[in-house]
C-alpha atoms as a PDB file:
ATOM      1  CA  MET A   1      88.077   8.239   7.031  1.00  0.00           C
ATOM      2  CA  ARG A   2      90.331   9.840   4.460  1.00  0.00           C
ATOM      3  CA  ARG A   3      89.791  13.244   2.987  1.00  0.00           C
ATOM      4  CA  ALA A   4      91.821  15.501   0.733  1.00  0.00           C
ATOM      5  CA  LEU A   5      92.601  18.968   1.970  1.00  0.00           C
ATOM      6  CA  ILE A   6      93.882  21.863  -0.091  1.00  0.00           C
ATOM      7  CA  VAL A   7      95.739  24.760   1.407  1.00  0.00           C
ATOM      8  CA  VAL A   8      96.301  27.779  -0.817  1.00  0.00           C
ATOM      9  CA  LEU A   9      98.638  30.406   0.570  1.00  0.00           C
ATOM     10  CA  ILE A  10      98.656  33.709  -1.260  1.00  0.00           C
ATOM     11  CA  ASN A  11     100.750  36.547   0.081  1.00  0.00           C
ATOM     12  CA  MET A  12     101.733  38.906  -2.707  1.00  0.00           C
ATOM     13  CA  VAL A  13     104.739  41.069  -1.989  1.00  0.00           C
ATOM     14  CA  LEU A  14     104.520  43.740  -4.670  1.00  0.00           C
ATOM     15  CA  VAL A  15     107.433  45.796  -3.399  1.00  0.00           C
ATOM     16  CA  VAL A  16     108.227  46.966  -6.906  1.00  0.00           C
ATOM     17  CA  ALA A  17     104.827  48.559  -7.430  1.00  0.00           C
ATOM     18  CA  ASP A  18     105.513  51.376  -5.004  1.00  0.00           C
ATOM     19  CA  LEU A  19     109.124  51.846  -6.080  1.00  0.00           C
ATOM     20  CA  TRP A  20     108.783  51.479  -9.852  1.00  0.00           C
ATOM     21  CA  PRO A  21     109.011  55.200 -10.864  1.00  0.00           C
ATOM     22  CA  ALA A  22     112.204  55.749  -8.894  1.00  0.00           C
ATOM     23  CA  ALA A  23     113.638  52.363  -9.793  1.00  0.00           C
ATOM     24  CA  ALA A  24     113.257  53.065 -13.489  1.00  0.00           C
ATOM     25  CA  THR A  25     115.464  56.137 -13.314  1.00  0.00           C
ATOM     26  CA  GLN A  26     118.093  55.288 -10.743  1.00  0.00           C
ATOM     27  CA  GLN A  27     119.829  52.255  -9.288  1.00  0.00           C
ATOM     28  CA  MET A  28     119.723  51.428  -5.621  1.00  0.00           C
ATOM     29  CA  LYS A  29     122.996  51.869  -3.835  1.00  0.00           C
ATOM     30  CA  LEU A  30     124.862  48.636  -3.165  1.00  0.00           C
ATOM     31  CA  ILE A  31     124.955  49.478   0.522  1.00  0.00           C
ATOM     32  CA  ASP A  32     121.148  49.162   0.524  1.00  0.00           C
ATOM     33  CA  LEU A  33     121.250  45.523  -0.605  1.00  0.00           C
ATOM     34  CA  LEU A  34     120.754  43.897   2.761  1.00  0.00           C
ATOM     35  CA  THR A  35     117.754  41.622   2.135  1.00  0.00           C
ATOM     36  CA  PRO A  36     116.483  39.352  -0.666  1.00  0.00           C
ATOM     37  CA  GLU A  37     113.681  41.839  -1.373  1.00  0.00           C
ATOM     38  CA  SER A  38     116.144  44.697  -1.854  1.00  0.00           C
ATOM     39  CA  VAL A  39     118.206  42.560  -4.240  1.00  0.00           C
ATOM     40  CA  LEU A  40     115.075  41.726  -6.244  1.00  0.00           C
ATOM     41  CA  ARG A  41     114.186  45.419  -6.480  1.00  0.00           C
ATOM     42  CA  TRP A  42     117.691  46.160  -7.660  1.00  0.00           C
ATOM     43  CA  MET A  43     117.514  43.341 -10.215  1.00  0.00           C
ATOM     44  CA  ASN A  44     114.169  44.520 -11.540  1.00  0.00           C
ATOM     45  CA  ALA A  45     115.483  48.040 -12.069  1.00  0.00           C
ATOM     46  CA  TYR A  46     118.784  46.895 -13.567  1.00  0.00           C
ATOM     47  CA  ARG A  47     117.682  46.624 -17.200  1.00  0.00           C
ATOM     48  CA  GLN A  48     116.583  50.261 -17.170  1.00  0.00           C
ATOM     49  CA  LYS A  49     120.193  51.310 -16.623  1.00  0.00           C
ATOM     50  CA  PRO A  50     122.570  48.322 -16.896  1.00  0.00           C
ATOM     51  CA  ASP A  51     125.719  48.539 -14.800  1.00  0.00           C
ATOM     52  CA  PRO A  52     127.650  45.265 -15.226  1.00  0.00           C
ATOM     53  CA  SER A  53     130.554  46.578 -13.144  1.00  0.00           C
ATOM     54  CA  SER A  54     128.358  46.470 -10.040  1.00  0.00           C
ATOM     55  CA  VAL A  55     127.181  42.883 -10.550  1.00  0.00           C
ATOM     56  CA  PRO A  56     130.164  41.063  -8.941  1.00  0.00           C
ATOM     57  CA  ASP A  57     129.592  42.948  -5.681  1.00  0.00           C
ATOM     58  CA  VAL A  58     125.890  42.131  -5.827  1.00  0.00           C
ATOM     59  CA  VAL A  59     126.721  38.440  -6.328  1.00  0.00           C
ATOM     60  CA  LYS A  60     128.867  38.544  -3.195  1.00  0.00           C
ATOM     61  CA  ALA A  61     126.014  40.258  -1.344  1.00  0.00           C
ATOM     62  CA  MET A  62     123.660  37.485  -2.474  1.00  0.00           C
ATOM     63  CA  SER A  63     126.141  34.925  -1.187  1.00  0.00           C
ATOM     64  CA  ARG A  64     126.372  36.621   2.220  1.00  0.00           C
ATOM     65  CA  MET A  65     122.579  36.548   2.619  1.00  0.00           C
ATOM     66  CA  ASN A  66     122.510  32.829   1.698  1.00  0.00           C
ATOM     67  CA  ALA A  67     120.543  33.421  -1.500  1.00  0.00           C
ATOM     68  CA  PHE A  68     122.237  30.392  -3.099  1.00  0.00           C
ATOM     69  CA  LYS A  69     121.794  28.008  -0.183  1.00  0.00           C
ATOM     70  CA  ASP A  70     118.825  26.198  -1.728  1.00  0.00           C
ATOM     71  CA  PRO A  71     119.101  25.724  -5.521  1.00  0.00           C
ATOM     72  CA  GLU A  72     115.320  25.508  -5.839  1.00  0.00           C
ATOM     73  CA  GLN A  73     114.995  28.965  -4.286  1.00  0.00           C
ATOM     74  CA  ALA A  74     117.866  30.565  -6.186  1.00  0.00           C
ATOM     75  CA  GLY A  75     116.273  30.686  -9.643  1.00  0.00           C
ATOM     76  CA  PRO A  76     115.900  34.484 -10.014  1.00  0.00           C
ATOM     77  CA  TYR A  77     119.471  35.119  -8.871  1.00  0.00           C
ATOM     78  CA  LEU A  78     120.937  32.370 -11.043  1.00  0.00           C
ATOM     79  CA  GLY A  79     119.050  33.620 -14.097  1.00  0.00           C
ATOM     80  CA  PHE A  80     120.166  37.179 -13.457  1.00  0.00           C
ATOM     81  CA  ILE A  81     123.852  36.265 -13.273  1.00  0.00           C
ATOM     82  CA  ALA A  82     123.504  34.183 -16.443  1.00  0.00           C
ATOM     83  CA  GLY A  83     121.772  37.078 -18.180  1.00  0.00           C
ATOM     84  CA  VAL A  84     124.536  39.514 -17.285  1.00  0.00           C
ATOM     85  CA  ILE A  85     127.221  37.147 -18.583  1.00  0.00           C
ATOM     86  CA  GLY A  86     125.292  36.564 -21.802  1.00  0.00           C
ATOM     87  CA  SER A  87     124.539  40.243 -22.354  1.00  0.00           C
ATOM     88  CA  HIS A  88     128.168  41.344 -22.006  1.00  0.00           C
ATOM     89  CA  PRO A  89     130.232  38.648 -23.749  1.00  0.00           C
ATOM     90  CA  GLU A  90     133.210  40.963 -24.180  1.00  0.00           C
ATOM     91  CA  ARG A  91     133.431  41.518 -20.413  1.00  0.00           C
ATOM     92  CA  ALA A  92     132.265  38.099 -19.236  1.00  0.00           C
ATOM     93  CA  GLU A  93     135.664  36.764 -18.168  1.00  0.00           C
ATOM     94  CA  GLU A  94     136.440  39.942 -16.240  1.00  0.00           C
ATOM     95  CA  LEU A  95     133.055  39.996 -14.486  1.00  0.00           C
ATOM     96  CA  ILE A  96     133.187  36.331 -13.493  1.00  0.00           C
ATOM     97  CA  GLY A  97     136.691  36.744 -12.107  1.00  0.00           C
ATOM     98  CA  LYS A  98     135.527  39.583  -9.854  1.00  0.00           C
ATOM     99  CA  MET A  99     132.763  37.400  -8.399  1.00  0.00           C
ATOM    100  CA  PHE A 100     135.459  35.419  -6.595  1.00  0.00           C
ATOM    101  CA  PRO A 101     136.221  34.570  -3.897  1.00  0.00           C
ATOM    102  CA  LEU A 102     132.968  32.820  -3.027  1.00  0.00           C
ATOM    103  CA  PRO A 103     132.373  30.022  -0.527  1.00  0.00           C
ATOM    104  CA  GLU A 104     132.801  26.608  -2.138  1.00  0.00           C
ATOM    105  CA  GLU A 105     129.177  25.709  -1.509  1.00  0.00           C
ATOM    106  CA  ASN A 106     128.132  28.580  -3.801  1.00  0.00           C
ATOM    107  CA  HIS A 107     130.395  27.704  -6.722  1.00  0.00           C
ATOM    108  CA  TRP A 108     127.557  25.753  -8.351  1.00  0.00           C
ATOM    109  CA  VAL A 109     125.855  29.072  -9.135  1.00  0.00           C
ATOM    110  CA  ILE A 110     128.824  30.320 -11.144  1.00  0.00           C
ATOM    111  CA  VAL A 111     129.124  27.037 -13.041  1.00  0.00           C
ATOM    112  CA  ARG A 112     125.442  26.963 -13.947  1.00  0.00           C
ATOM    113  CA  ALA A 113     125.267  30.693 -14.713  1.00  0.00           C
ATOM    114  CA  ILE A 114     128.095  30.328 -17.227  1.00  0.00           C
ATOM    115  CA  ALA A 115     126.443  27.279 -18.816  1.00  0.00           C
ATOM    116  CA  TYR A 116     123.055  29.025 -18.896  1.00  0.00           C
ATOM    117  CA  SER A 117     124.398  32.354 -20.151  1.00  0.00           C
ATOM    118  CA  GLY A 118     124.199  31.721 -23.875  1.00  0.00           C
ATOM    119  CA  HIS A 119     127.684  33.219 -24.165  1.00  0.00           C
ATOM    120  CA  PRO A 120     129.149  32.250 -27.580  1.00  0.00           C
ATOM    121  CA  ASP A 121     132.170  30.664 -25.883  1.00  0.00           C
ATOM    122  CA  TRP A 122     130.708  29.579 -22.548  1.00  0.00           C
ATOM    123  CA  LYS A 123     132.613  26.282 -22.542  1.00  0.00           C
ATOM    124  CA  HIS A 124     135.890  28.211 -22.705  1.00  0.00           C
ATOM    125  CA  LEU A 125     134.776  30.258 -19.691  1.00  0.00           C
ATOM    126  CA  LEU A 126     134.046  27.074 -17.758  1.00  0.00           C
ATOM    127  CA  ARG A 127     137.511  25.724 -18.553  1.00  0.00           C
ATOM    128  CA  VAL A 128     139.127  29.013 -17.513  1.00  0.00           C
ATOM    129  CA  TYR A 129     137.519  28.951 -14.067  1.00  0.00           C
ATOM    130  CA  ALA A 130     137.453  25.199 -13.491  1.00  0.00           C
ATOM    131  CA  GLU A 131     140.631  25.359 -11.401  1.00  0.00           C
ATOM    132  CA  ARG A 132     139.030  27.862  -9.044  1.00  0.00           C
ATOM    133  CA  MET A 133     136.080  25.531  -8.467  1.00  0.00           C
ATOM    134  CA  PRO A 134     137.670  22.101  -7.908  1.00  0.00           C
ATOM    135  CA  THR A 135     134.703  20.756  -5.914  1.00  0.00           C
ATOM    136  CA  ARG A 136     132.489  21.257  -8.977  1.00  0.00           C
ATOM    137  CA  ARG A 137     134.573  19.299 -11.475  1.00  0.00           C
ATOM    138  CA  ALA A 138     131.863  16.697 -12.044  1.00  0.00           C
ATOM    139  CA  MET A 139     129.296  19.409 -12.659  1.00  0.00           C
ATOM    140  CA  ILE A 140     131.607  21.239 -15.054  1.00  0.00           C
ATOM    141  CA  TYR A 141     132.352  18.027 -16.921  1.00  0.00           C
ATOM    142  CA  GLY A 142     128.626  17.406 -17.298  1.00  0.00           C
ATOM    143  CA  TYR A 143     128.197  20.665 -19.173  1.00  0.00           C
ATOM    144  CA  LEU A 144     131.407  20.404 -21.191  1.00  0.00           C
ATOM    145  CA  SER A 145     130.455  16.900 -22.363  1.00  0.00           C
ATOM    146  CA  ASN A 146     126.882  17.984 -23.216  1.00  0.00           C
ATOM    147  CA  ARG A 147     125.478  15.577 -20.660  1.00  0.00           C
ATOM    148  CA  SER A 148     123.738  18.378 -18.764  1.00  0.00           C
ATOM    149  CA  PRO A 149     121.220  20.630 -20.560  1.00  0.00           C
ATOM    150  CA  THR A 150     121.696  24.375 -20.886  1.00  0.00           C
ATOM    151  CA  LEU A 151     119.012  26.977 -20.214  1.00  0.00           C
ATOM    152  CA  PHE A 152     117.259  26.990 -23.547  1.00  0.00           C
ATOM    153  CA  GLN A 153     117.203  23.219 -23.987  1.00  0.00           C
ATOM    154  CA  VAL A 154     113.691  22.640 -22.673  1.00  0.00           C
ATOM    155  CA  ALA A 155     111.570  19.547 -23.206  1.00  0.00           C
ATOM    156  CA  PRO A 156     108.689  20.347 -25.577  1.00  0.00           C
ATOM    157  CA  ARG A 157     105.071  20.007 -24.519  1.00  0.00           C
ATOM    158  CA  ARG A 158     104.012  16.503 -25.465  1.00  0.00           C
ATOM    159  CA  ILE A 159     100.317  15.604 -25.552  1.00  0.00           C
ATOM    160  CA  PRO A 160      99.644  11.846 -25.767  1.00  0.00           C
ATOM    161  CA  THR A 161      97.112  10.662 -28.300  1.00  0.00           C
ATOM    162  CA  THR A 162      94.028   8.721 -27.250  1.00  0.00           C
ATOM    163  CA  GLY A 163      95.674   5.519 -28.468  1.00  0.00           C
ATOM    164  CA  GLN A 164      98.764   6.201 -26.405  1.00  0.00           C
ATOM    165  CA  LYS A 165      96.601   6.836 -23.332  1.00  0.00           C
ATOM    166  CA  VAL A 166      94.714   3.578 -23.771  1.00  0.00           C
ATOM    167  CA  ARG A 167      97.947   1.624 -24.317  1.00  0.00           C
ATOM    168  CA  SER A 168      99.339   3.148 -21.138  1.00  0.00           C
ATOM    169  CA  TYR A 169      96.447   1.691 -19.167  1.00  0.00           C
ATOM    170  CA  PHE A 170      97.657  -1.794 -20.103  1.00  0.00           C
ATOM    171  CA  SER A 171     101.348  -1.002 -19.759  1.00  0.00           C
ATOM    172  CA  TYR A 172     103.420  -2.691 -17.060  1.00  0.00           C
ATOM    173  CA  ASP A 173     105.501   0.476 -16.678  1.00  0.00           C
ATOM    174  CA  THR A 174     102.417   2.552 -15.894  1.00  0.00           C
ATOM    175  CA  TYR A 175     101.935   0.712 -12.615  1.00  0.00           C
ATOM    176  CA  PHE A 176     105.227  -0.942 -11.787  1.00  0.00           C
ATOM    177  CA  GLY A 177     107.934   0.903 -13.739  1.00  0.00           C
ATOM    178  CA  ASP A 178     109.901   3.836 -12.380  1.00  0.00           C
ATOM    179  CA  GLY A 179     108.957   5.973 -15.390  1.00  0.00           C
ATOM    180  CA  LYS A 180     112.480   7.286 -15.727  1.00  0.00           C
ATOM    181  CA  LYS A 181     114.610   7.338 -18.823  1.00  0.00           C
ATOM    182  CA  SER A 182     118.055   5.833 -18.700  1.00  0.00           C
ATOM    183  CA  GLY A 183     121.103   7.729 -19.800  1.00  0.00           C
ATOM    184  CA  PRO A 184     121.982  11.425 -19.553  1.00  0.00           C
ATOM    185  CA  ARG A 185     119.263  14.010 -19.306  1.00  0.00           C
ATOM    186  CA  GLU A 186     119.269  16.122 -22.456  1.00  0.00           C
ATOM    187  CA  GLU A 187     116.485  18.604 -21.767  1.00  0.00           C
ATOM    188  CA  LEU A 188     115.236  20.689 -18.870  1.00  0.00           C
ATOM    189  CA  GLU A 189     111.732  19.916 -17.694  1.00  0.00           C
ATOM    190  CA  PRO A 190     109.414  22.936 -17.285  1.00  0.00           C
ATOM    191  CA  SER A 191     109.192  23.850 -13.604  1.00  0.00           C
ATOM    192  CA  PRO A 192     108.618  26.837 -11.292  1.00  0.00           C
ATOM    193  CA  GLU A 193     112.385  26.994 -10.751  1.00  0.00           C
ATOM    194  CA  LEU A 194     112.937  27.279 -14.507  1.00  0.00           C
ATOM    195  CA  LEU A 195     110.271  29.990 -14.700  1.00  0.00           C
ATOM    196  CA  ASP A 196     112.161  31.978 -12.061  1.00  0.00           C
ATOM    197  CA  ILE A 197     115.447  31.553 -13.929  1.00  0.00           C
ATOM    198  CA  TYR A 198     113.904  32.945 -17.110  1.00  0.00           C
ATOM    199  CA  TRP A 199     112.611  35.968 -15.223  1.00  0.00           C
ATOM    200  CA  GLY A 200     116.032  36.579 -13.709  1.00  0.00           C
ATOM    201  CA  TYR A 201     117.601  36.381 -17.173  1.00  0.00           C
ATOM    202  CA  TYR A 202     115.079  38.902 -18.487  1.00  0.00           C
ATOM    203  CA  PHE A 203     115.735  41.296 -15.594  1.00  0.00           C
ATOM    204  CA  ALA A 204     119.429  41.254 -16.518  1.00  0.00           C
ATOM    205  CA  SER A 205     119.115  41.448 -20.284  1.00  0.00           C
ATOM    206  CA  GLY A 206     115.730  42.879 -21.219  1.00  0.00           C
ATOM    207  CA  ARG A 207     115.749  40.389 -24.106  1.00  0.00           C
ATOM    208  CA  TYR A 208     112.749  38.592 -25.546  1.00  0.00           C
ATOM    209  CA  ARG A 209     114.369  35.152 -25.628  1.00  0.00           C
ATOM    210  CA  PRO A 210     113.665  34.243 -21.972  1.00  0.00           C
ATOM    211  CA  ILE A 211     110.201  35.777 -22.282  1.00  0.00           C
ATOM    212  CA  ALA A 212     109.561  33.556 -25.307  1.00  0.00           C
ATOM    213  CA  ARG A 213     110.271  30.503 -23.133  1.00  0.00           C
ATOM    214  CA  ILE A 214     107.848  31.751 -20.476  1.00  0.00           C
ATOM    215  CA  VAL A 215     105.228  32.334 -23.176  1.00  0.00           C
ATOM    216  CA  ALA A 216     105.802  28.754 -24.330  1.00  0.00           C
ATOM    217  CA  MET A 217     104.629  27.591 -20.880  1.00  0.00           C
ATOM    218  CA  LEU A 218     101.212  29.238 -21.288  1.00  0.00           C
ATOM    219  CA  PRO A 219      99.463  26.158 -22.785  1.00  0.00           C
ATOM    220  CA  TYR A 220      99.988  24.425 -19.446  1.00  0.00           C
ATOM    221  CA  SER A 221      97.400  26.854 -18.012  1.00  0.00           C
ATOM    222  CA  ASN A 222      94.786  24.713 -19.788  1.00  0.00           C
ATOM    223  CA  ASP A 223      96.268  21.352 -18.823  1.00  0.00           C
ATOM    224  CA  GLY A 224      93.580  18.945 -17.704  1.00  0.00           C
ATOM    225  CA  ASN A 225      95.734  16.125 -16.366  1.00  0.00           C
ATOM    226  CA  SER A 226      98.418  17.523 -14.080  1.00  0.00           C
ATOM    227  CA  VAL A 227      97.981  19.882 -11.137  1.00  0.00           C
ATOM    228  CA  GLU A 228     101.699  20.651 -11.315  1.00  0.00           C
ATOM    229  CA  LEU A 229     101.586  21.696 -14.971  1.00  0.00           C
ATOM    230  CA  LEU A 230      98.278  23.535 -14.557  1.00  0.00           C
ATOM    231  CA  THR A 231      99.770  25.544 -11.689  1.00  0.00           C
ATOM    232  CA  LEU A 232     102.964  26.201 -13.637  1.00  0.00           C
ATOM    233  CA  GLY A 233     101.019  27.461 -16.659  1.00  0.00           C
ATOM    234  CA  ASN A 234      99.005  29.799 -14.492  1.00  0.00           C
ATOM    235  CA  MET A 235     102.203  30.996 -12.797  1.00  0.00           C
ATOM    236  CA  ALA A 236     103.548  31.877 -16.251  1.00  0.00           C
ATOM    237  CA  LYS A 237     100.320  33.662 -17.180  1.00  0.00           C
ATOM    238  CA  PHE A 238     100.116  35.585 -13.907  1.00  0.00           C
ATOM    239  CA  THR A 239     103.754  36.677 -13.811  1.00  0.00           C
ATOM    240  CA  LEU A 240     103.691  37.840 -17.445  1.00  0.00           C
ATOM    241  CA  ALA A 241     100.611  39.970 -16.814  1.00  0.00           C
ATOM    242  CA  SER A 242     101.898  41.290 -13.457  1.00  0.00           C
ATOM    243  CA  ASN A 243     105.179  42.438 -14.961  1.00  0.00           C
ATOM    244  CA  ALA A 244     103.618  43.757 -18.188  1.00  0.00           C
ATOM    245  CA  VAL A 245     101.351  46.059 -16.172  1.00  0.00           C
ATOM    246  CA  ARG A 246     104.407  48.113 -15.155  1.00  0.00           C
ATOM    247  CA  ASP A 247     106.792  47.267 -17.985  1.00  0.00           C
ATOM    248  CA  ALA A 248     105.619  48.917 -21.212  1.00  0.00           C
ATOM    249  CA  ARG A 249     108.466  47.386 -23.186  1.00  0.00           C
ATOM    250  CA  LEU A 250     107.508  43.891 -22.090  1.00  0.00           C
ATOM    251  CA  LEU A 251     103.874  44.509 -23.018  1.00  0.00           C
ATOM    252  CA  THR A 252     104.972  45.713 -26.441  1.00  0.00           C
ATOM    253  CA  MET A 253     107.043  42.540 -26.916  1.00  0.00           C
ATOM    254  CA  LEU A 254     104.071  40.358 -26.074  1.00  0.00           C
ATOM    255  CA  LYS A 255     101.751  42.237 -28.427  1.00  0.00           C
ATOM    256  CA  GLN A 256     104.233  42.139 -31.298  1.00  0.00           C
ATOM    257  CA  GLU A 257     104.772  38.390 -30.964  1.00  0.00           C
ATOM    258  CA  SER A 258     101.134  37.501 -30.386  1.00  0.00           C
ATOM    259  CA  PRO A 259     100.170  37.109 -34.088  1.00  0.00           C
ATOM    260  CA  ASN A 260     103.000  34.598 -34.604  1.00  0.00           C
ATOM    261  CA  GLN A 261     101.948  32.176 -31.874  1.00  0.00           C
ATOM    262  CA  PRO A 262     100.313  28.768 -32.417  1.00  0.00           C
ATOM    263  CA  LYS A 263      96.729  28.362 -31.238  1.00  0.00           C
ATOM    264  CA  PRO A 264      97.533  26.720 -27.851  1.00  0.00           C
ATOM    265  CA  VAL A 265      99.701  29.745 -26.990  1.00  0.00           C
ATOM    266  CA  ALA A 266      97.673  32.484 -28.682  1.00  0.00           C
ATOM    267  CA  GLY A 267      94.612  32.082 -26.449  1.00  0.00           C
ATOM    268  CA  PRO A 268      96.342  32.355 -23.049  1.00  0.00           C
ATOM    269  CA  LEU A 269      98.667  35.077 -24.378  1.00  0.00           C
ATOM    270  CA  LYS A 270      95.668  37.156 -25.433  1.00  0.00           C
ATOM    271  CA  GLU A 271      94.337  36.836 -21.887  1.00  0.00           C
ATOM    272  CA  VAL A 272      97.704  38.012 -20.531  1.00  0.00           C
ATOM    273  CA  ILE A 273      97.770  41.066 -22.796  1.00  0.00           C
ATOM    274  CA  THR A 274      94.162  41.987 -21.987  1.00  0.00           C
ATOM    275  CA  ALA A 275      94.739  41.626 -18.238  1.00  0.00           C
ATOM    276  CA  ALA A 276      97.867  43.806 -18.435  1.00  0.00           C
ATOM    277  CA  GLU A 277      96.224  46.506 -20.540  1.00  0.00           C
ATOM    278  CA  GLN A 278      93.150  46.655 -18.290  1.00  0.00           C
ATOM    279  CA  VAL A 279      95.134  46.126 -15.067  1.00  0.00           C
ATOM    280  CA  GLU A 280      93.026  43.104 -14.118  1.00  0.00           C
ATOM    281  CA  VAL A 281      95.748  40.780 -12.900  1.00  0.00           C
ATOM    282  CA  SER A 282      93.747  39.713  -9.857  1.00  0.00           C
ATOM    283  CA  ARG A 283      91.180  38.171 -12.179  1.00  0.00           C
ATOM    284  CA  LEU A 284      93.830  35.840 -13.568  1.00  0.00           C
ATOM    285  CA  ARG A 285      94.739  34.735 -10.076  1.00  0.00           C
ATOM    286  CA  LYS A 286      91.119  33.968  -9.211  1.00  0.00           C
ATOM    287  CA  GLU A 287      90.625  32.030 -12.442  1.00  0.00           C
ATOM    288  CA  ALA A 288      93.824  30.083 -11.800  1.00  0.00           C
ATOM    289  CA  MET A 289      92.765  29.055  -8.317  1.00  0.00           C
ATOM    290  CA  ALA A 290      89.342  28.040  -9.638  1.00  0.00           C
ATOM    291  CA  SER A 291      90.798  25.876 -12.402  1.00  0.00           C
ATOM    292  CA  ILE A 292      93.229  24.182 -10.011  1.00  0.00           C
ATOM    293  CA  GLU A 293      90.457  23.441  -7.549  1.00  0.00           C
ATOM    294  CA  ASP A 294      88.279  22.121 -10.371  1.00  0.00           C
ATOM    295  CA  LEU A 295      91.009  19.731 -11.495  1.00  0.00           C
ATOM    296  CA  ARG A 296      91.562  18.611  -7.925  1.00  0.00           C
ATOM    297  CA  ARG A 297      87.844  17.910  -7.528  1.00  0.00           C
ATOM    298  CA  LYS A 298      87.199  16.187 -10.856  1.00  0.00           C
ATOM    299  CA  GLY A 299      90.538  14.453 -11.320  1.00  0.00           C
ATOM    300  CA  PRO A 300      92.695  14.415 -14.471  1.00  0.00           C
ATOM    301  CA  GLN A 301      91.093  14.613 -17.908  1.00  0.00           C
ATOM    302  CA  SER A 302      92.785  11.347 -18.869  1.00  0.00           C
ATOM    303  CA  ARG A 303      91.008   9.666 -15.988  1.00  0.00           C
ATOM    304  CA  ARG A 304      87.640  11.092 -17.064  1.00  0.00           C
ATOM    305  CA  ASP A 305      88.276  10.063 -20.679  1.00  0.00           C
ATOM    306  CA  ALA A 306      89.046   6.532 -19.566  1.00  0.00           C
ATOM    307  CA  SER A 307      85.509   6.112 -18.230  1.00  0.00           C
ATOM    308  CA  ARG A 308      84.439   5.669 -21.839  1.00  0.00           C
ATOM    309  CA  TRP A 309      86.306   2.369 -21.851  1.00  0.00           C
ATOM    310  CA  GLY A 310      84.967   1.139 -18.539  1.00  0.00           C
ATOM    311  CA  GLN A 311      87.554   2.802 -16.307  1.00  0.00           C
ATOM    312  CA  ILE A 312      90.397   0.718 -17.782  1.00  0.00           C
ATOM    313  CA  GLY A 313      93.368   0.517 -15.443  1.00  0.00           C
ATOM    314  CA  ILE A 314      93.065   3.936 -13.874  1.00  0.00           C
ATOM    315  CA  GLY A 315      95.569   4.727 -11.166  1.00  0.00           C
ATOM    316  CA  ALA A 316      95.438   7.488  -8.602  1.00  0.00           C
ATOM    317  CA  LEU A 317      96.640  10.939  -9.498  1.00  0.00           C
ATOM    318  CA  ALA A 318      99.937  11.696  -7.824  1.00  0.00           C
ATOM    319  CA  LEU A 319      99.660  15.257  -6.593  1.00  0.00           C
ATOM    320  CA  GLY A 320     102.795  17.221  -5.902  1.00  0.00           C
ATOM    321  CA  CYS A 321     103.561  20.475  -4.251  1.00  0.00           C
ATOM    322  CA  ILE A 322     104.357  23.710  -5.993  1.00  0.00           C
ATOM    323  CA  GLY A 323     105.038  26.733  -3.859  1.00  0.00           C
ATOM    324  CA  ALA A 324     106.731  30.061  -3.695  1.00  0.00           C
ATOM    325  CA  ALA A 325     108.710  32.245  -1.325  1.00  0.00           C
ATOM    326  CA  ALA A 326     107.380  35.477   0.106  1.00  0.00           C
ATOM    327  CA  ALA A 327     109.738  38.185   1.292  1.00  0.00           C
ATOM    328  CA  GLY A 328     112.612  35.750   1.112  1.00  0.00           C
ATOM    329  CA  ALA A 329     111.008  33.248   3.489  1.00  0.00           C
ATOM    330  CA  VAL A 330     110.150  29.844   2.050  1.00  0.00           C
ATOM    331  CA  VAL A 331     106.496  28.960   2.492  1.00  0.00           C
ATOM    332  CA  LEU A 332     105.958  25.784   0.519  1.00  0.00           C
ATOM    333  CA  GLY A 333     109.056  25.046  -1.485  1.00  0.00           C
ATOM    334  CA  LEU A 334     109.648  26.262  -5.019  1.00  0.00           C
ATOM    335  CA  PRO A 335     109.927  29.970  -5.795  1.00  0.00           C
ATOM    336  CA  CYS A 336     108.211  32.113  -8.396  1.00  0.00           C
ATOM    337  CA  VAL A 337     109.002  35.707  -9.340  1.00  0.00           C
ATOM    338  CA  VAL A 338     105.838  37.757  -9.307  1.00  0.00           C
ATOM    339  CA  GLY A 339     105.749  41.336 -10.488  1.00  0.00           C
ATOM    340  CA  GLY A 340     109.469  41.793 -10.069  1.00  0.00           C
ATOM    341  CA  ALA A 341     109.373  40.582  -6.478  1.00  0.00           C
ATOM    342  CA  MET A 342     109.105  37.266  -4.744  1.00  0.00           C
ATOM    343  CA  GLY A 343     105.510  36.235  -4.226  1.00  0.00           C
ATOM    344  CA  SER A 344     103.682  33.372  -2.592  1.00  0.00           C
ATOM    345  CA  ALA A 345     101.239  31.247  -4.555  1.00  0.00           C
ATOM    346  CA  GLY A 346     101.570  27.805  -3.092  1.00  0.00           C
ATOM    347  CA  LEU A 347      99.494  24.742  -3.520  1.00  0.00           C
ATOM    348  CA  LYS A 348      99.889  21.698  -1.304  1.00  0.00           C
ATOM    349  CA  TYR A 349      97.930  18.485  -1.181  1.00  0.00           C
ATOM    350  CA  TYR A 350      97.990  16.022   1.664  1.00  0.00           C
ATOM    351  CA  GLU A 351      95.787  13.388   3.226  1.00  0.00           C
ATOM    352  CA  SER A 352      94.685  12.706   6.760  1.00  0.00           C
ATOM    353  CA  GLN A 353      92.982   9.720   8.372  1.00  0.00           C
END
């Protein structure tokens, strides 16, 4: 007999909560950066008193603690480095140069941070340092030739019409195709890793641009077809509220931009602002878990809609795994920055006989 089991691991590591007053007024000493948690605390405090001169040493510290070993777990660090480069264009070349030497296996972080930085002449920076990263020539070429997307090239949220859904039920590709587009990938797909990168960029720059991209993920919190997207949307909602509770400037940003948002964004954003103002972040987490469980139990909305046409060609929902890292230790896979620290909010589906 087959049955679906859901395991939800929640282990919030709110290390910033206790340290926020001190962190807002003074930077941690570099000698204290011995663990991923300490680096995250340092990153979260950085925008209160930016010190770009210290960043190269922090990058080397990250490298020593293997923070870049798994690209899917390195999102906050990658975003932070990109944010520093983008926030200090006049010093970018100097700062990047001081990040070397790094082990070859970590050169990908520098390449992607430059490409993701938003620096007005980021392609020039890649060419300057290409010779120091010979094992990443293919990666560098991908960005220089516009074959690889940069940080703010994100695929928009596409909602299929009823007609498109019905046609998909009769489509050969729905059941037998690989569902993949041919040719170079031109946009980044929304993911927990991308969410982490945006938070890292914000920690480095304090700018609204990365926050705007996180806000744009909020409609996924109402997605009725994909557990992955539903979880991602609720991650965006929860992390925005968690950070806004202790970051008055962030809360102000969200409130100022709220009137300008389209309806699918305005509703979830209002919930974020209310939760932050009333310090009711735990309520968002409970609602998120309930909605995910409800989708798991009922199945995707597209499947339920199809019952109106006699259950035309409905396939099984492919459920993935979205996870986070707590205290620097991977629990279920992909990371998510929560409240300025790494948190765990994993969701994993599997079957047993």
